[in-house]
């Protein structure tokens, strides 16, 4: 897991990404949002399920992120699953572009959070896990949980 950040309010997490992928590198990117989108994001009405990022024409774009329409948005409301631009430095985009062209690498958002009033995305360069990798991770997690339980029981006595 990533370490908790100070002064940061986490709004949505993509837990499935940590289960389905090996995380190679993590980047922080800003998101270009409209007025009603940021209001919905601040209300925590965001889902990262099945979302991903891709580089097109030198720009990083975020796909399939569902930001619910703002309740008081009337006719100025946004499209819930529109493609959104991510804000990264040009050199970071070039580096990620060369890495994602390699076989098996993808860009997946891990979380959306507010940092200093700005909406940010924790974007990860990932490689897919095989089924046996997933089973092994679950075994490790269960073993760690058993050890914790045993230590708690020992401390009670």
C-alpha atoms as a PDB file:
ATOM      1  CA  UNK A   1       0.000   0.000   0.000  1.00  0.00           C
ATOM      2  CA  UNK A   2       1.070   3.573  -0.504  1.00  0.00           C
ATOM      3  CA  UNK A   3       1.931   5.646   2.538  1.00  0.00           C
ATOM      4  CA  UNK A   4      -0.726   8.097   3.775  1.00  0.00           C
ATOM      5  CA  UNK A   5      -0.226  11.651   2.599  1.00  0.00           C
ATOM      6  CA  UNK A   6      -0.632  14.609   4.937  1.00  0.00           C
ATOM      7  CA  UNK A   7      -3.155  17.297   3.997  1.00  0.00           C
ATOM      8  CA  UNK A   8      -4.745  15.000   1.454  1.00  0.00           C
ATOM      9  CA  UNK A   9      -8.356  13.839   1.302  1.00  0.00           C
ATOM     10  CA  UNK A  10      -8.744  10.572  -0.613  1.00  0.00           C
ATOM     11  CA  UNK A  11     -12.002  10.504  -2.561  1.00  0.00           C
ATOM     12  CA  UNK A  12     -11.884   7.201  -4.477  1.00  0.00           C
ATOM     13  CA  UNK A  13      -9.583   4.199  -4.682  1.00  0.00           C
ATOM     14  CA  UNK A  14      -9.158   1.477  -7.263  1.00  0.00           C
ATOM     15  CA  UNK A  15      -8.593  -1.542  -4.998  1.00  0.00           C
ATOM     16  CA  UNK A  16      -9.015  -3.981  -7.852  1.00  0.00           C
ATOM     17  CA  UNK A  17      -5.960  -2.507  -9.599  1.00  0.00           C
ATOM     18  CA  UNK A  18      -3.706  -3.487  -6.694  1.00  0.00           C
ATOM     19  CA  UNK A  19      -5.091  -7.028  -6.897  1.00  0.00           C
ATOM     20  CA  UNK A  20      -4.927  -7.431 -10.680  1.00  0.00           C
ATOM     21  CA  UNK A  21      -1.595  -5.758 -11.501  1.00  0.00           C
ATOM     22  CA  UNK A  22       2.049  -5.552 -10.455  1.00  0.00           C
ATOM     23  CA  UNK A  23       2.660  -1.857  -9.773  1.00  0.00           C
ATOM     24  CA  UNK A  24       5.985  -0.764 -11.260  1.00  0.00           C
ATOM     25  CA  UNK A  25       5.940   3.047 -10.769  1.00  0.00           C
ATOM     26  CA  UNK A  26       3.472   5.589  -9.369  1.00  0.00           C
ATOM     27  CA  UNK A  27       2.957   9.139 -10.655  1.00  0.00           C
ATOM     28  CA  UNK A  28       0.871  12.073  -9.454  1.00  0.00           C
ATOM     29  CA  UNK A  29      -1.116  13.900 -12.123  1.00  0.00           C
ATOM     30  CA  UNK A  30      -3.610  16.738 -12.085  1.00  0.00           C
ATOM     31  CA  UNK A  31      -6.988  16.409 -13.827  1.00  0.00           C
ATOM     32  CA  UNK A  32      -8.566  19.005 -16.114  1.00  0.00           C
ATOM     33  CA  UNK A  33     -12.168  19.216 -14.827  1.00  0.00           C
ATOM     34  CA  UNK A  34     -15.169  21.440 -15.541  1.00  0.00           C
ATOM     35  CA  UNK A  35     -17.042  23.386 -12.832  1.00  0.00           C
ATOM     36  CA  UNK A  36     -19.722  20.805 -12.067  1.00  0.00           C
ATOM     37  CA  UNK A  37     -17.186  17.960 -12.196  1.00  0.00           C
ATOM     38  CA  UNK A  38     -14.997  19.371  -9.446  1.00  0.00           C
ATOM     39  CA  UNK A  39     -18.074  19.928  -7.275  1.00  0.00           C
ATOM     40  CA  UNK A  40     -19.055  16.258  -7.693  1.00  0.00           C
ATOM     41  CA  UNK A  41     -15.470  15.160  -7.045  1.00  0.00           C
ATOM     42  CA  UNK A  42     -15.342  17.196  -3.821  1.00  0.00           C
ATOM     43  CA  UNK A  43     -18.585  15.490  -2.781  1.00  0.00           C
ATOM     44  CA  UNK A  44     -16.824  12.124  -3.306  1.00  0.00           C
ATOM     45  CA  UNK A  45     -19.062  10.973  -6.162  1.00  0.00           C
ATOM     46  CA  UNK A  46     -16.286   9.298  -8.197  1.00  0.00           C
ATOM     47  CA  UNK A  47     -15.768   5.690  -9.340  1.00  0.00           C
ATOM     48  CA  UNK A  48     -12.505   4.354 -10.772  1.00  0.00           C
ATOM     49  CA  UNK A  49     -13.772   0.897 -11.710  1.00  0.00           C
ATOM     50  CA  UNK A  50     -12.399  -0.249 -15.121  1.00  0.00           C
ATOM     51  CA  UNK A  51     -10.656   3.085 -15.712  1.00  0.00           C
ATOM     52  CA  UNK A  52      -7.342   3.484 -17.531  1.00  0.00           C
ATOM     53  CA  UNK A  53      -5.087   6.140 -19.064  1.00  0.00           C
ATOM     54  CA  UNK A  54      -3.669   6.331 -22.563  1.00  0.00           C
ATOM     55  CA  UNK A  55      -1.387   8.732 -24.427  1.00  0.00           C
ATOM     56  CA  UNK A  56      -2.741  10.233 -27.656  1.00  0.00           C
ATOM     57  CA  UNK A  57      -1.191  13.064 -29.664  1.00  0.00           C
ATOM     58  CA  UNK A  58       1.271  13.835 -26.864  1.00  0.00           C
ATOM     59  CA  UNK A  59      -1.496  14.197 -24.254  1.00  0.00           C
ATOM     60  CA  UNK A  60      -2.350  11.892 -21.361  1.00  0.00           C
ATOM     61  CA  UNK A  61      -6.066  11.052 -21.334  1.00  0.00           C
ATOM     62  CA  UNK A  62      -8.122   9.309 -18.637  1.00  0.00           C
ATOM     63  CA  UNK A  63     -10.935   6.987 -19.740  1.00  0.00           C
ATOM     64  CA  UNK A  64     -13.960   5.363 -18.011  1.00  0.00           C
ATOM     65  CA  UNK A  65     -13.811   7.395 -14.786  1.00  0.00           C
ATOM     66  CA  UNK A  66     -17.387   7.929 -13.660  1.00  0.00           C
ATOM     67  CA  UNK A  67     -18.023  11.310 -12.026  1.00  0.00           C
ATOM     68  CA  UNK A  68     -21.720  11.545 -11.142  1.00  0.00           C
ATOM     69  CA  UNK A  69     -23.632  14.618 -12.373  1.00  0.00           C
ATOM     70  CA  UNK A  70     -23.790  17.457  -9.852  1.00  0.00           C
ATOM     71  CA  UNK A  71     -27.232  17.732  -8.232  1.00  0.00           C
ATOM     72  CA  UNK A  72     -27.524  21.527  -8.631  1.00  0.00           C
ATOM     73  CA  UNK A  73     -25.841  21.531 -12.045  1.00  0.00           C
ATOM     74  CA  UNK A  74     -28.991  22.040 -14.214  1.00  0.00           C
ATOM     75  CA  UNK A  75     -28.195  22.411 -17.936  1.00  0.00           C
ATOM     76  CA  UNK A  76     -24.478  23.048 -17.324  1.00  0.00           C
ATOM     77  CA  UNK A  77     -23.907  19.513 -16.034  1.00  0.00           C
ATOM     78  CA  UNK A  78     -21.111  17.375 -17.450  1.00  0.00           C
ATOM     79  CA  UNK A  79     -21.071  14.007 -19.221  1.00  0.00           C
ATOM     80  CA  UNK A  80     -20.444  11.396 -16.444  1.00  0.00           C
ATOM     81  CA  UNK A  81     -17.888   9.237 -18.310  1.00  0.00           C
ATOM     82  CA  UNK A  82     -16.247  11.689 -20.672  1.00  0.00           C
ATOM     83  CA  UNK A  83     -12.548  11.472 -21.499  1.00  0.00           C
ATOM     84  CA  UNK A  84     -10.523  13.778 -19.238  1.00  0.00           C
ATOM     85  CA  UNK A  85      -7.076  15.246 -19.789  1.00  0.00           C
ATOM     86  CA  UNK A  86      -4.367  14.499 -17.216  1.00  0.00           C
ATOM     87  CA  UNK A  87      -1.779  17.133 -16.430  1.00  0.00           C
ATOM     88  CA  UNK A  88       1.783  15.821 -16.397  1.00  0.00           C
ATOM     89  CA  UNK A  89       5.145  17.267 -17.405  1.00  0.00           C
ATOM     90  CA  UNK A  90       6.039  16.708 -21.043  1.00  0.00           C
ATOM     91  CA  UNK A  91       9.096  14.592 -20.178  1.00  0.00           C
ATOM     92  CA  UNK A  92       6.993  12.354 -17.922  1.00  0.00           C
ATOM     93  CA  UNK A  93       4.502  11.841 -20.748  1.00  0.00           C
ATOM     94  CA  UNK A  94       7.310  10.964 -23.172  1.00  0.00           C
ATOM     95  CA  UNK A  95       8.824   8.515 -20.670  1.00  0.00           C
ATOM     96  CA  UNK A  96       5.438   6.849 -20.019  1.00  0.00           C
ATOM     97  CA  UNK A  97       4.744   6.715 -23.744  1.00  0.00           C
ATOM     98  CA  UNK A  98       7.954   4.779 -24.382  1.00  0.00           C
ATOM     99  CA  UNK A  99       7.283   2.451 -21.418  1.00  0.00           C
ATOM    100  CA  UNK A 100       3.671   1.673 -22.399  1.00  0.00           C
ATOM    101  CA  UNK A 101       4.765   0.713 -25.896  1.00  0.00           C
ATOM    102  CA  UNK A 102       6.583  -2.214 -24.262  1.00  0.00           C
ATOM    103  CA  UNK A 103       4.570  -5.417 -24.158  1.00  0.00           C
ATOM    104  CA  UNK A 104       2.317  -5.795 -21.129  1.00  0.00           C
ATOM    105  CA  UNK A 105       2.544  -2.313 -19.563  1.00  0.00           C
ATOM    106  CA  UNK A 106      -0.552  -0.191 -18.926  1.00  0.00           C
ATOM    107  CA  UNK A 107      -1.483   2.992 -17.080  1.00  0.00           C
ATOM    108  CA  UNK A 108      -4.133   2.600 -14.369  1.00  0.00           C
ATOM    109  CA  UNK A 109      -5.375   5.179 -11.830  1.00  0.00           C
ATOM    110  CA  UNK A 110      -5.031   3.967  -8.229  1.00  0.00           C
ATOM    111  CA  UNK A 111      -6.824   6.812  -6.463  1.00  0.00           C
ATOM    112  CA  UNK A 112      -8.297  10.284  -6.815  1.00  0.00           C
ATOM    113  CA  UNK A 113      -7.678  12.756  -4.014  1.00  0.00           C
ATOM    114  CA  UNK A 114      -7.729  16.451  -3.157  1.00  0.00           C
ATOM    115  CA  UNK A 115      -4.372  18.035  -2.413  1.00  0.00           C
ATOM    116  CA  UNK A 116      -4.267  21.718  -1.596  1.00  0.00           C
ATOM    117  CA  UNK A 117      -7.700  22.186  -3.154  1.00  0.00           C
ATOM    118  CA  UNK A 118      -6.676  20.573  -6.449  1.00  0.00           C
ATOM    119  CA  UNK A 119      -7.962  17.213  -7.710  1.00  0.00           C
ATOM    120  CA  UNK A 120      -5.103  14.782  -8.326  1.00  0.00           C
ATOM    121  CA  UNK A 121      -4.846  11.231  -9.668  1.00  0.00           C
ATOM    122  CA  UNK A 122      -2.372   8.645  -8.449  1.00  0.00           C
ATOM    123  CA  UNK A 123      -1.449   7.001 -11.754  1.00  0.00           C
ATOM    124  CA  UNK A 124       0.454   3.706 -11.847  1.00  0.00           C
ATOM    125  CA  UNK A 125       2.509   2.026 -14.528  1.00  0.00           C
ATOM    126  CA  UNK A 126       1.389  -1.594 -14.171  1.00  0.00           C
ATOM    127  CA  UNK A 127       1.947  -5.038 -15.604  1.00  0.00           C
ATOM    128  CA  UNK A 128      -0.810  -7.664 -15.478  1.00  0.00           C
ATOM    129  CA  UNK A 129      -0.667 -10.476 -12.920  1.00  0.00           C
ATOM    130  CA  UNK A 130      -1.230 -14.108 -13.739  1.00  0.00           C
ATOM    131  CA  UNK A 131      -3.820 -16.099 -11.780  1.00  0.00           C
ATOM    132  CA  UNK A 132      -1.165 -17.916  -9.768  1.00  0.00           C
ATOM    133  CA  UNK A 133       0.324 -14.541  -8.722  1.00  0.00           C
ATOM    134  CA  UNK A 134      -3.079 -13.448  -7.428  1.00  0.00           C
ATOM    135  CA  UNK A 135      -3.508 -16.684  -5.453  1.00  0.00           C
ATOM    136  CA  UNK A 136      -0.046 -16.301  -3.953  1.00  0.00           C
ATOM    137  CA  UNK A 137      -0.810 -12.726  -2.868  1.00  0.00           C
ATOM    138  CA  UNK A 138      -4.014 -13.915  -1.195  1.00  0.00           C
ATOM    139  CA  UNK A 139      -2.075 -16.638   0.654  1.00  0.00           C
ATOM    140  CA  UNK A 140       0.444 -14.059   1.922  1.00  0.00           C
ATOM    141  CA  UNK A 141      -2.369 -11.764   3.038  1.00  0.00           C
ATOM    142  CA  UNK A 142      -4.132 -14.599   4.897  1.00  0.00           C
ATOM    143  CA  UNK A 143      -0.889 -15.652   6.582  1.00  0.00           C
ATOM    144  CA  UNK A 144      -0.205 -12.093   7.745  1.00  0.00           C
ATOM    145  CA  UNK A 145      -3.767 -11.848   9.084  1.00  0.00           C
ATOM    146  CA  UNK A 146      -3.301 -15.123  11.025  1.00  0.00           C
ATOM    147  CA  UNK A 147      -0.039 -13.852  12.535  1.00  0.00           C
ATOM    148  CA  UNK A 148      -1.751 -10.601  13.595  1.00  0.00           C
ATOM    149  CA  UNK A 149      -4.634 -12.542  15.147  1.00  0.00           C
ATOM    150  CA  UNK A 150      -2.223 -14.816  17.047  1.00  0.00           C
ATOM    151  CA  UNK A 151      -0.267 -11.818  18.372  1.00  0.00           C
ATOM    152  CA  UNK A 152      -3.467 -10.128  19.547  1.00  0.00           C
ATOM    153  CA  UNK A 153      -4.589 -13.307  21.299  1.00  0.00           C
ATOM    154  CA  UNK A 154      -1.190 -13.641  22.953  1.00  0.00           C
ATOM    155  CA  UNK A 155      -1.312 -10.047  24.224  1.00  0.00           C
ATOM    156  CA  UNK A 156      -4.784 -10.517  25.741  1.00  0.00           C
ATOM    157  CA  UNK A 157      -3.577 -13.316  28.027  1.00  0.00           C
END
